[in-house]
Amino acid sequence: MEIKPSDKSVWVCQCGLSQDMPMCDGSHSKARKNEQEGKLYVYDKACQDVVEEKDDV
């Protein structure tokens, strides 16, 4: 999510995978490459490995 408080944009994490919360660090791009549409992925506490995969309803 982009927030424009002034001249420079600020990006806030919405996926929960950032290691720099609440700021986005781009971690979602790695996950996006490996995730399939229509699936819900649950990651471990380190947000590195998928621990569960479900159909997104």
Protein backbone atom coordinates (compact mmCIF):
# COMPACT_ATOMS: atom_id res chain seq x y z
CA MET A 1 0.00 0.00 0.00
CA GLU A 2 1.43 3.36 -0.99
CA ILE A 3 1.16 6.35 1.32
CA LYS A 4 2.14 9.79 0.07
CA PRO A 5 2.84 11.92 3.16
CA SER A 6 4.85 14.46 1.14
CA ASP A 7 6.95 14.44 -2.01
CA LYS A 8 8.30 10.93 -1.38
CA SER A 9 6.08 7.80 -1.31
CA VAL A 10 6.16 5.42 1.66
CA TRP A 11 5.27 1.74 1.19
CA VAL A 12 3.56 -0.18 4.02
CA CYS A 13 3.53 -4.01 4.07
CA GLN A 14 0.13 -5.63 3.57
CA CYS A 15 1.24 -9.23 3.03
CA GLY A 16 2.92 -9.76 6.42
CA LEU A 17 6.15 -11.13 4.94
CA SER A 18 8.34 -8.03 5.42
CA GLN A 19 11.33 -8.31 7.75
CA ASP A 20 11.10 -4.52 8.24
CA MET A 21 7.52 -4.19 9.52
CA PRO A 22 5.50 -2.10 9.08
CA MET A 23 7.47 -1.02 6.01
CA CYS A 24 7.52 -3.05 2.79
CA ASP A 25 10.90 -4.62 1.99
CA GLY A 26 9.82 -6.37 -1.23
CA SER A 27 9.50 -9.85 0.33
CA HIS A 28 6.14 -10.27 -1.44
CA SER A 29 7.84 -10.46 -4.84
CA LYS A 30 9.60 -13.74 -3.95
CA ALA A 31 6.36 -15.24 -2.64
CA ARG A 32 4.36 -14.04 -5.64
CA LYS A 33 6.61 -16.02 -7.99
CA ASN A 34 5.96 -19.27 -6.09
CA GLU A 35 2.28 -18.85 -5.21
CA GLN A 36 -0.65 -19.94 -7.37
CA GLU A 37 -3.82 -17.91 -7.79
CA GLY A 38 -6.76 -19.28 -5.80
CA LYS A 39 -4.54 -20.67 -3.02
CA LEU A 40 -3.97 -19.36 0.51
CA TYR A 41 -0.43 -19.77 1.82
CA VAL A 42 0.51 -19.77 5.51
CA TYR A 43 4.15 -18.99 6.24
CA ASP A 44 6.31 -19.84 9.26
CA LYS A 45 7.12 -17.16 11.87
CA ALA A 46 10.24 -16.15 9.95
CA CYS A 47 8.04 -15.66 6.85
CA GLN A 48 10.42 -17.80 4.82
CA ASP A 49 8.78 -21.19 4.36
CA VAL A 50 5.22 -22.23 3.53
CA VAL A 51 3.84 -24.36 6.36
CA GLU A 52 0.33 -24.79 5.00
CA GLU A 53 -1.46 -24.41 1.66
CA LYS A 54 -5.25 -24.21 1.32
CA ASP A 55 -7.83 -23.47 -1.36
CA ASP A 56 -8.79 -19.79 -1.07
CA VAL A 57 -12.55 -19.65 -0.60
